[in-house]
Structure formats: C-alpha cells, structure tokens
Protein backbone atom coordinates (compact mmCIF):
# COMPACT_ATOMS: atom_id res chain seq x y z
CA UNK A 1 -27.35 -0.96 -26.44
CA UNK A 2 -24.50 1.12 -25.01
CA UNK A 3 -20.90 0.36 -25.76
CA UNK A 4 -19.28 -1.92 -23.20
CA UNK A 5 -15.90 -1.37 -21.64
CA UNK A 6 -13.38 -4.15 -22.21
CA UNK A 7 -11.11 -5.20 -19.34
CA UNK A 8 -7.75 -6.16 -20.90
CA UNK A 9 -6.25 -7.19 -17.53
CA UNK A 10 -8.85 -9.92 -17.12
CA UNK A 11 -8.38 -11.14 -20.68
CA UNK A 12 -4.60 -11.36 -20.33
CA UNK A 13 -4.85 -13.19 -16.99
CA UNK A 14 -7.37 -15.61 -18.49
CA UNK A 15 -5.00 -16.29 -21.39
CA UNK A 16 -2.13 -17.11 -19.02
CA UNK A 17 -4.32 -19.41 -16.95
CA UNK A 18 -5.50 -21.12 -20.13
CA UNK A 19 -1.86 -21.82 -20.96
CA UNK A 20 -1.28 -23.31 -17.50
CA UNK A 21 -4.35 -25.48 -17.99
CA UNK A 22 -3.12 -26.76 -21.36
CA UNK A 23 0.28 -27.62 -19.90
CA UNK A 24 -1.39 -29.48 -17.04
CA UNK A 25 -3.62 -31.40 -19.47
CA UNK A 26 -0.56 -32.50 -21.45
CA UNK A 27 0.37 -34.87 -18.62
CA UNK A 28 -1.77 -37.70 -17.33
CA UNK A 29 -4.55 -36.36 -15.10
CA UNK A 30 -6.69 -38.24 -12.67
CA UNK A 31 -10.47 -38.28 -12.84
CA UNK A 32 -10.73 -35.57 -10.17
CA UNK A 33 -8.18 -33.37 -11.95
CA UNK A 34 -10.00 -33.68 -15.29
CA UNK A 35 -13.23 -32.55 -13.61
CA UNK A 36 -11.36 -29.61 -12.07
CA UNK A 37 -9.89 -28.74 -15.48
CA UNK A 38 -13.39 -28.58 -16.98
CA UNK A 39 -14.50 -26.27 -14.14
CA UNK A 40 -11.47 -24.02 -14.71
CA UNK A 41 -12.23 -23.68 -18.42
CA UNK A 42 -15.89 -22.86 -17.68
CA UNK A 43 -14.91 -20.13 -15.19
CA UNK A 44 -12.41 -18.68 -17.68
CA UNK A 45 -15.10 -18.48 -20.35
CA UNK A 46 -17.40 -16.67 -17.91
CA UNK A 47 -14.58 -14.27 -16.98
CA UNK A 48 -13.91 -13.43 -20.64
CA UNK A 49 -17.60 -12.85 -21.31
CA UNK A 50 -17.89 -10.56 -18.29
CA UNK A 51 -14.70 -8.70 -19.25
CA UNK A 52 -16.17 -7.99 -22.69
CA UNK A 53 -19.51 -6.88 -21.24
CA UNK A 54 -21.47 -9.75 -22.78
CA UNK A 55 -24.79 -10.60 -21.19
CA UNK A 56 -24.95 -7.33 -19.22
CA UNK A 57 -28.24 -5.49 -19.65
CA UNK A 58 -27.31 -2.40 -17.65
CA UNK A 59 -25.72 0.61 -19.25
CA UNK A 60 -22.15 1.69 -18.92
CA UNK A 61 -22.91 4.24 -16.19
CA UNK A 62 -24.76 1.64 -14.11
CA UNK A 63 -21.90 -0.82 -14.54
CA UNK A 64 -19.43 1.84 -13.46
CA UNK A 65 -21.50 2.75 -10.40
CA UNK A 66 -22.36 -0.79 -9.27
CA UNK A 67 -19.15 -2.45 -10.44
CA UNK A 68 -21.16 -5.22 -12.10
CA UNK A 69 -18.78 -5.88 -14.97
CA UNK A 70 -15.53 -5.43 -13.05
CA UNK A 71 -16.48 -7.46 -10.00
CA UNK A 72 -18.17 -10.16 -12.06
CA UNK A 73 -15.13 -10.61 -14.31
CA UNK A 74 -12.67 -10.76 -11.45
CA UNK A 75 -14.81 -13.09 -9.37
CA UNK A 76 -14.99 -15.59 -12.24
CA UNK A 77 -11.23 -15.22 -12.73
CA UNK A 78 -10.58 -15.83 -9.04
CA UNK A 79 -12.85 -18.86 -9.09
CA UNK A 80 -10.79 -20.27 -11.96
CA UNK A 81 -7.60 -19.73 -9.96
CA UNK A 82 -9.07 -21.59 -6.98
CA UNK A 83 -10.19 -24.50 -9.15
CA UNK A 84 -6.78 -24.61 -10.84
CA UNK A 85 -5.22 -25.72 -7.55
CA UNK A 86 -6.79 -29.17 -8.02
CA UNK A 87 -5.05 -29.47 -11.41
CA UNK A 88 -1.55 -28.57 -10.19
CA UNK A 89 1.10 -31.20 -9.68
CA UNK A 90 3.52 -31.17 -6.74
CA UNK A 91 5.74 -28.49 -8.30
CA UNK A 92 2.74 -26.31 -9.10
CA UNK A 93 1.52 -26.52 -5.53
CA UNK A 94 4.94 -25.49 -4.22
CA UNK A 95 5.02 -22.51 -6.61
CA UNK A 96 1.52 -21.33 -5.71
CA UNK A 97 1.95 -21.60 -1.92
CA UNK A 98 4.07 -18.43 -1.35
CA UNK A 99 1.67 -16.31 -3.44
CA UNK A 100 -1.36 -17.60 -1.57
CA UNK A 101 0.29 -16.99 1.81
CA UNK A 102 1.29 -13.43 0.85
CA UNK A 103 -2.22 -12.67 -0.42
CA UNK A 104 -3.86 -13.89 2.79
CA UNK A 105 -1.39 -12.02 4.99
CA UNK A 106 -2.12 -8.81 3.11
CA UNK A 107 -5.90 -9.18 3.17
CA UNK A 108 -6.78 -10.71 6.53
CA UNK A 109 -6.39 -9.39 10.05
CA UNK A 110 -3.29 -10.66 11.92
CA UNK A 111 -5.54 -12.43 14.46
CA UNK A 112 -7.65 -14.15 11.80
CA UNK A 113 -7.29 -17.95 12.17
CA UNK A 114 -7.43 -18.31 8.39
CA UNK A 115 -3.97 -16.72 8.07
CA UNK A 116 -1.82 -19.76 7.46
CA UNK A 117 1.96 -19.66 7.42
CA UNK A 118 4.67 -21.78 5.79
CA UNK A 119 4.82 -24.05 8.84
CA UNK A 120 1.24 -25.13 8.22
CA UNK A 121 2.32 -26.79 4.96
CA UNK A 122 5.45 -28.48 6.27
CA UNK A 123 5.52 -32.28 6.66
CA UNK A 124 2.03 -32.68 5.21
CA UNK A 125 0.94 -35.19 2.60
CA UNK A 126 0.16 -33.77 -0.89
CA UNK A 127 -3.59 -34.31 -0.52
CA UNK A 128 -3.72 -32.28 2.69
CA UNK A 129 -1.51 -29.58 1.17
CA UNK A 130 -3.80 -29.34 -1.86
CA UNK A 131 -6.93 -28.99 0.27
CA UNK A 132 -5.34 -26.37 2.54
CA UNK A 133 -3.97 -24.42 -0.41
CA UNK A 134 -7.33 -24.42 -2.16
CA UNK A 135 -8.98 -22.96 0.92
CA UNK A 136 -6.13 -20.46 1.36
CA UNK A 137 -6.43 -19.20 -2.22
CA UNK A 138 -10.20 -18.88 -1.86
CA UNK A 139 -9.92 -16.93 1.41
CA UNK A 140 -7.29 -14.60 -0.05
CA UNK A 141 -9.33 -13.72 -3.12
CA UNK A 142 -12.50 -13.37 -1.04
CA UNK A 143 -10.77 -10.81 1.19
CA UNK A 144 -9.47 -8.99 -1.89
CA UNK A 145 -12.95 -8.83 -3.45
CA UNK A 146 -14.42 -7.48 -0.21
CA UNK A 147 -11.78 -4.74 -0.08
CA UNK A 148 -12.62 -3.72 -3.64
CA UNK A 149 -16.31 -3.57 -2.76
CA UNK A 150 -15.48 -1.41 0.25
CA UNK A 151 -13.45 0.94 -1.94
CA UNK A 152 -16.29 1.18 -4.47
CA UNK A 153 -18.79 1.95 -1.70
CA UNK A 154 -16.52 4.68 -0.32
CA UNK A 155 -16.14 6.21 -3.78
CA UNK A 156 -19.90 6.23 -4.32
CA UNK A 157 -20.56 7.83 -0.94
CA UNK A 158 -17.97 10.53 -1.64
CA UNK A 159 -19.51 11.29 -5.03
CA UNK A 160 -23.00 11.44 -3.51
CA UNK A 161 -21.72 13.91 -0.93
CA UNK A 162 -20.20 16.01 -3.71
CA UNK A 163 -23.49 15.99 -5.61
CA UNK A 164 -25.38 17.03 -2.46
CA UNK A 165 -22.98 19.95 -1.90
CA UNK A 166 -23.32 21.04 -5.53
CA UNK A 167 -27.13 20.96 -5.34
CA UNK A 168 -27.10 22.94 -2.10
CA UNK A 169 -24.77 25.55 -3.58
CA UNK A 170 -26.78 25.89 -6.78
CA UNK A 171 -29.99 26.46 -4.82
CA UNK A 172 -28.24 28.99 -2.57
CA UNK A 173 -26.73 30.87 -5.51
CA UNK A 174 -30.06 31.09 -7.33
CA UNK A 175 -32.03 32.28 -4.30
CA UNK A 176 -29.46 34.79 -3.00
CA UNK A 177 -28.67 36.16 -6.48
CA UNK A 178 -32.34 37.13 -6.83
CA UNK A 179 -32.56 38.51 -3.28
CA UNK A 180 -29.08 39.77 -2.24
CA UNK A 181 -30.31 41.05 1.12
CA UNK A 182 -31.18 37.54 2.32
CA UNK A 183 -27.51 36.64 2.84
CA UNK A 184 -25.41 39.68 3.86
CA UNK A 185 -21.93 39.54 2.36
CA UNK A 186 -21.15 43.28 2.42
CA UNK A 187 -19.36 45.11 5.25
CA UNK A 188 -19.93 48.70 6.32
CA UNK A 189 -17.04 50.85 7.48
CA UNK A 190 -18.02 53.75 9.73
CA UNK A 191 -15.81 56.85 10.08
CA UNK A 192 -15.96 58.59 13.50
CA UNK A 193 -14.79 62.04 14.62
CA UNK A 194 -12.87 62.87 17.78
CA UNK A 195 -16.03 62.83 19.88
CA UNK A 196 -17.00 59.35 18.55
CA UNK A 197 -19.79 60.60 16.34
CA UNK A 198 -20.40 59.00 12.98
CA UNK A 199 -19.12 61.19 10.19
CA UNK A 200 -19.46 58.95 7.12
CA UNK A 201 -19.86 55.32 6.18
CA UNK A 202 -18.79 53.31 3.18
CA UNK A 203 -20.01 49.91 2.04
CA UNK A 204 -17.52 47.27 0.81
CA UNK A 205 -18.92 44.28 -1.09
CA UNK A 206 -17.35 41.39 -2.98
CA UNK A 207 -18.34 43.14 -6.21
CA UNK A 208 -16.67 46.47 -5.39
CA UNK A 209 -15.95 49.32 -2.90
CA UNK A 210 -18.17 52.27 -2.07
CA UNK A 211 -21.21 50.65 -3.57
CA UNK A 212 -24.77 51.68 -2.84
CA UNK A 213 -25.84 48.22 -1.67
CA UNK A 214 -25.45 44.46 -2.14
CA UNK A 215 -25.94 42.98 -5.58
CA UNK A 216 -26.67 39.54 -6.99
CA UNK A 217 -23.09 39.14 -8.16
CA UNK A 218 -21.69 39.19 -4.61
CA UNK A 219 -22.46 35.60 -3.77
CA UNK A 220 -21.32 34.45 -7.22
CA UNK A 221 -17.93 36.08 -6.70
CA UNK A 222 -17.56 34.64 -3.19
CA UNK A 223 -18.53 31.17 -4.39
CA UNK A 224 -16.02 31.43 -7.24
CA UNK A 225 -13.19 32.36 -4.87
CA UNK A 226 -14.14 29.52 -2.54
CA UNK A 227 -14.26 27.14 -5.49
CA UNK A 228 -10.74 28.14 -6.46
CA UNK A 229 -9.57 27.69 -2.87
CA UNK A 230 -11.09 24.20 -2.75
CA UNK A 231 -9.49 23.33 -6.07
CA UNK A 232 -6.11 24.45 -4.76
CA UNK A 233 -6.62 22.33 -1.66
CA UNK A 234 -7.53 19.31 -3.79
CA UNK A 235 -4.32 19.62 -5.79
CA UNK A 236 -2.20 19.77 -2.64
CA UNK A 237 -4.03 16.90 -0.93
CA UNK A 238 -3.51 14.55 -3.88
CA UNK A 239 0.24 14.63 -3.38
CA UNK A 240 -0.20 12.71 -0.11
CA UNK A 241 -2.21 9.92 -1.72
CA UNK A 242 -0.29 7.06 -3.28
CA UNK A 243 -1.39 5.73 -6.60
CA UNK A 244 -3.34 2.49 -6.79
CA UNK A 245 -4.04 -0.09 -9.45
CA UNK A 246 -7.59 -0.61 -8.14
CA UNK A 247 -10.44 -0.26 -10.60
CA UNK A 248 -12.21 2.37 -8.48
CA UNK A 249 -10.74 5.87 -8.47
CA UNK A 250 -11.42 7.03 -4.89
CA UNK A 251 -8.77 9.81 -5.00
CA UNK A 252 -10.57 11.38 -7.96
CA UNK A 253 -13.86 11.29 -6.02
CA UNK A 254 -12.16 13.14 -3.18
CA UNK A 255 -10.84 15.75 -5.59
CA UNK A 256 -14.36 16.24 -6.99
CA UNK A 257 -15.74 16.87 -3.49
CA UNK A 258 -13.31 19.62 -2.43
CA UNK A 259 -14.04 22.49 -4.91
CA UNK A 260 -17.84 22.71 -4.33
CA UNK A 261 -17.31 22.26 -0.61
CA UNK A 262 -14.82 25.13 -0.76
CA UNK A 263 -17.46 27.37 -2.32
CA UNK A 264 -19.89 26.46 0.46
CA UNK A 265 -17.38 27.12 3.26
CA UNK A 266 -16.43 30.46 1.70
CA UNK A 267 -20.03 31.70 1.78
CA UNK A 268 -20.67 30.40 5.28
CA UNK A 269 -17.35 31.74 6.55
CA UNK A 270 -18.13 35.30 5.43
CA UNK A 271 -21.56 35.02 7.04
CA UNK A 272 -19.88 34.08 10.34
CA UNK A 273 -17.47 37.01 10.05
CA UNK A 274 -20.36 39.38 9.30
CA UNK A 275 -22.14 38.21 12.43
CA UNK A 276 -19.04 38.67 14.65
CA UNK A 277 -19.11 34.95 15.39
CA UNK A 278 -15.40 34.35 14.78
CA UNK A 279 -13.28 35.86 17.60
CA UNK A 280 -10.49 38.15 16.45
CA UNK A 281 -11.98 38.91 13.05
CA UNK A 282 -13.21 42.46 12.65
CA UNK A 283 -15.30 43.93 9.89
CA UNK A 284 -13.71 43.83 6.47
CA UNK A 285 -13.27 47.28 4.97
CA UNK A 286 -12.31 46.59 1.33
CA UNK A 287 -13.16 44.35 -1.58
CA UNK A 288 -9.66 42.85 -1.53
CA UNK A 289 -10.01 41.70 2.06
CA UNK A 290 -13.37 40.11 1.37
CA UNK A 291 -12.02 38.18 -1.61
CA UNK A 292 -8.93 37.13 0.33
CA UNK A 293 -11.05 35.79 3.18
CA UNK A 294 -13.30 33.99 0.72
CA UNK A 295 -10.27 32.27 -0.80
CA UNK A 296 -8.95 31.42 2.66
CA UNK A 297 -12.27 29.92 3.74
CA UNK A 298 -12.31 27.89 0.53
CA UNK A 299 -8.95 26.36 1.39
CA UNK A 300 -10.11 25.85 4.99
CA UNK A 301 -12.54 23.14 3.89
CA UNK A 302 -9.49 20.87 4.14
CA UNK A 303 -10.08 20.88 7.90
CA UNK A 304 -13.29 18.94 7.28
CA UNK A 305 -12.16 16.74 4.42
CA UNK A 306 -8.85 15.78 6.05
CA UNK A 307 -10.59 12.98 7.93
CA UNK A 308 -12.12 11.79 4.68
CA UNK A 309 -8.67 11.78 3.07
CA UNK A 310 -7.31 9.68 5.93
CA UNK A 311 -10.15 7.21 5.57
CA UNK A 312 -9.49 6.90 1.85
CA UNK A 313 -5.79 6.35 2.45
CA UNK A 314 -6.48 3.64 5.02
CA UNK A 315 -8.69 1.80 2.52
CA UNK A 316 -6.08 2.13 -0.21
CA UNK A 317 -3.38 0.84 2.15
CA UNK A 318 -5.47 -2.25 2.73
CA UNK A 319 -5.70 -3.05 -0.97
CA UNK A 320 -3.50 -5.89 -2.30
CA UNK A 321 -0.38 -4.41 -3.84
CA UNK A 322 2.98 -5.55 -5.18
CA UNK A 323 4.65 -2.56 -3.60
CA UNK A 324 6.97 -3.67 -0.81
CA UNK A 325 6.31 -0.48 1.16
CA UNK A 326 2.60 -1.10 1.53
CA UNK A 327 2.20 -4.34 3.41
CA UNK A 328 -0.94 -4.26 5.58
CA UNK A 329 -1.05 -6.84 8.28
CA UNK A 330 1.82 -8.39 10.12
CA UNK A 331 3.61 -11.46 8.76
CA UNK A 332 2.78 -14.81 10.23
CA UNK A 333 5.30 -15.69 12.89
CA UNK A 334 7.21 -18.93 12.76
CA UNK A 335 10.00 -20.43 10.75
CA UNK A 336 9.83 -20.66 7.00
CA UNK A 337 11.34 -24.11 6.68
CA UNK A 338 8.78 -25.10 4.08
CA UNK A 339 9.85 -22.36 1.66
CA UNK A 340 13.48 -21.62 2.51
CA UNK A 341 16.40 -23.65 3.86
CA UNK A 342 16.91 -23.43 7.61
CA UNK A 343 19.69 -21.25 8.85
CA UNK A 344 22.64 -22.89 10.61
CA UNK A 345 22.95 -21.86 14.24
CA UNK A 346 26.22 -20.38 15.43
CA UNK A 347 27.89 -22.42 18.19
CA UNK A 348 28.16 -20.55 21.50
CA UNK A 349 31.92 -20.99 21.62
CA UNK A 350 32.29 -19.33 18.20
CA UNK A 351 29.89 -16.48 18.90
CA UNK A 352 32.63 -14.27 20.37
CA UNK A 353 36.08 -14.63 18.85
CA UNK A 354 38.94 -12.25 19.37
CA UNK A 355 41.25 -11.88 16.42
CA UNK A 356 44.89 -11.82 17.56
CA UNK A 357 47.50 -10.60 15.07
CA UNK A 358 49.81 -13.41 14.08
CA UNK A 359 47.49 -16.14 15.33
CA UNK A 360 46.11 -18.70 12.86
CA UNK A 361 42.67 -18.03 11.41
CA UNK A 362 39.57 -20.05 12.21
CA UNK A 363 39.61 -21.82 8.83
CA UNK A 364 43.43 -22.04 8.37
CA UNK A 365 44.88 -25.48 7.75
CA UNK A 366 46.31 -27.03 10.89
CA UNK A 367 50.08 -27.17 11.18
CA UNK A 368 51.77 -30.57 10.75
CA UNK A 369 52.12 -32.48 13.98
CA UNK A 370 55.92 -32.56 13.77
CA UNK A 371 56.01 -28.77 13.95
CA UNK A 372 54.07 -28.57 17.18
CA UNK A 373 56.08 -28.92 20.37
CA UNK A 374 55.42 -31.93 22.55
CA UNK A 375 55.79 -31.01 26.19
CA UNK A 376 56.06 -34.70 27.15
CA UNK A 377 59.19 -35.28 25.01
CA UNK A 378 62.45 -33.78 26.29
CA UNK A 379 65.50 -32.87 24.30
CA UNK A 380 67.77 -35.86 23.77
CA UNK A 381 65.04 -38.47 24.12
CA UNK A 382 64.17 -40.86 21.33
CA UNK A 383 60.83 -41.06 19.58
CA UNK A 384 58.92 -44.19 18.52
CA UNK A 385 61.20 -44.69 15.51
CA UNK A 386 64.34 -44.51 17.60
CA UNK A 387 65.39 -41.11 16.29
CA UNK A 388 66.86 -38.72 18.82
CA UNK A 389 64.96 -35.49 19.28
CA UNK A 390 67.11 -32.51 18.41
CA UNK A 391 66.87 -29.06 19.92
CA UNK A 392 66.09 -26.42 17.30
CA UNK A 393 66.88 -22.96 18.56
CA UNK A 394 64.28 -20.25 18.30
CA UNK A 395 64.66 -18.29 15.08
CA UNK A 396 67.03 -20.94 13.53
CA UNK A 397 65.68 -21.51 10.05
CA UNK A 398 68.58 -23.63 8.79
CA UNK A 399 67.56 -26.93 10.35
CA UNK A 400 66.64 -29.54 7.70
CA UNK A 401 65.30 -33.08 7.96
CA UNK A 402 66.60 -35.56 5.35
CA UNK A 403 66.28 -33.37 2.27
CA UNK A 404 63.05 -31.73 3.41
CA UNK A 405 62.42 -28.05 2.89
CA UNK A 406 63.54 -25.46 5.39
CA UNK A 407 61.01 -25.22 8.24
CA UNK A 408 60.59 -22.27 10.54
CA UNK A 409 60.09 -22.64 14.26
CA UNK A 410 56.36 -22.25 14.88
CA UNK A 411 56.25 -23.14 18.52
CA UNK A 412 56.00 -19.52 19.55
CA UNK A 413 52.99 -18.87 17.34
CA UNK A 414 50.99 -21.82 18.77
CA UNK A 415 52.02 -21.37 22.42
C-alpha cells in the first residue's frame, strides 16, 4: 500500500470546528440541535479519515490525478460546516452570516437568485434566518467545490496536452535522427558571378557551417534551442500569474507545457522558413542564424499558449480567496442594515454651508438671550421687570450689569 498524503489544513479546520461543537454542547440544546451535533461529529470524523488517506484503495498518483482524497476531505468538512448552522445560537448565526454572504458572492454569478444579501436576513425570525443561512452556506461551498473541480480538470487537460507534445517530439526526433533528409533543416547559400552564374555553394546546418550534408544531430540541436526558448517563455509568463492557495497547481502544468511545445515550434518554424512559406524571411546562411531562429521560434510558442494562460488566470480569479484585490462577482446591491448601523442622512439645508470668518460655528453654543438685540424694544423702554433698557455703544466694553463680568457687544456678529 502506497504512502498517503496527509492534509494538515483539513485536520486543523476539523479541530477548530470540534471546539465550536463542544462549546455549543456546553449549553442546553434542543432535540433538533443534538441531532445536528451528532451529524457534525460524524462528518468531522469522515473528513479526518479522508485527510489521512484512510479507506482509499487507489495509489497516490491516482489520488493526485482524480483529486479523490482532497475533494473527499473538503466535502466532508463543508458538510460539517453546513450542519453546524443548526447548532449555532443567535450570536453564532449573526457571526456566520457575513462569511456565508461573502462566499456566495464570490462563487456565484451576479444574476444567480441564490445570491442573498444582508437585507434578506433583516427582520426575520430566528428559525427563518437559520434555514436561509443553512442553504446559503451549502450553496457557497457547493460553488467552491465545483470551481476546484474545474481547476483540476483544466490542470489535467494541460498535462495531457504536454504529454502529447512530448510523445510527438520524441517520435519526430527518433525518425529524423535516423533519416536526416526526411526533414530538411539545412540551408544552401549559392555564390553568383557578375553574369548571374553559380560559382560555388556552401551548406549551413544547425550542426555547423560548410558541411557536406545534413546529419542526425541537426534536429536534436534545433529541438534543444526551441526547448530553451520555451523554458524562457515559461519563466516570463509565470510572473503574470498570481499565486493561489488551491490544491491543484495549474500554473505548474502550464509551465510544463511550454518547453516541449517550444521544441516543436522551433522545428516546424525552420521547416516553414526552408520552404519560403514565411514572407520576408530569406535563406539562412550560417549556423548562428539557424540557431537564433530556432530559439526565436521556441519563444514564439507563447503566441499559442497565451490564450491558455488567460484561461488559467480566469479560473484562478474565480477561486475563493481572502485577497481583497481578487473579488469575482459584483456585490449584492442594497443596504446593509442587518450587518452595519445605518448611516444618518445629511439634511438638505446643511448640505451646502458657507463658512464666514467671524461667524459662529455650526456646533457653537448659542449666545445668551440678553446679548442678542431685540428689534422690538427701543432704547429707553422698560422690560418685563421694569428695568429701563440702556443703550450700549458699539465697541464699549465697560458696561457692567450688577456685578456681572464685562460683556462685549455682540450685536454686530449676529446681525
């Protein structure tokens, strides 16, 4: 029996969920919640067994290719998370809701009716919230599992294409190395005199200049240069791919495809040049030019694999991620009153305020009423208490009222 690969991420997540389950069981649970707790513990045990490779008859290579161990472990773990919703209390439901909403928004299409927003949980009774949240968590993890399966399928197809290219190149190298004349990779340079008659001719091959004829090493040298060009292209293309925490290494599969494809395009490119198929390219007259063109054609395979790189990047962008920059799907429109306090609207009359130097601020304390001028009371009249109103000249700061502090004239500032 082959050695199984252990998934520590699944084991650690199962341990944290086990802790949540124990905390929930410490309080009084209903009959339905106890049944849900038993289902959670059973799913966690299945997830641990799958993470350790127990009960898997296939070998490690088959598990890696089919994703049996990884997908089985995570599916049991996700099932435990869905069942744990029935064990949560009110606070647990409120804490799980934002995570479930974010997961669904990242995994489902913006027009999918299963994309619920915060407004869908507002003003609902706890039983309805629990049922909706359970379905939301299940839909989010189902979309995540489907995206991982899609990524695994893309990786396998890319690796199969790489294997097909390698097999084709190996067959071509073996056949042409034994019969060099089957695939012409040498170029003849003809020297002419003033009358246009042929004076001499030299033969340039990938293996050397002024050779007597093609050899079996020519195609090996061209394939090697194309392989190096494809490898160089793979290194440069990886810098455009962001890293991912997914279990399937699609970028590595793309890097494996480019070098053998570069060898194939180098051989085919020189054949096209030899047949005058490419406009603007004349016969190559030296070994250096042939090798340079072979390297260039090896790098040129990026023209074909660029679309494959874009497809891989689109799949990786659709994977669930904690990175704020990669957020596939648009957020659900609507207010977030269920998760955040509502914002206070700004009154229309306070929307545009002009700040005047010397004028009181919006939140300054109002001036005492006795400091404000009363246009209905004239100088010399008497107020309600029978006290005669005195005239205080503008700028006179010496007027006092029965031992009160000195008061400045503020009528000008409030006029």
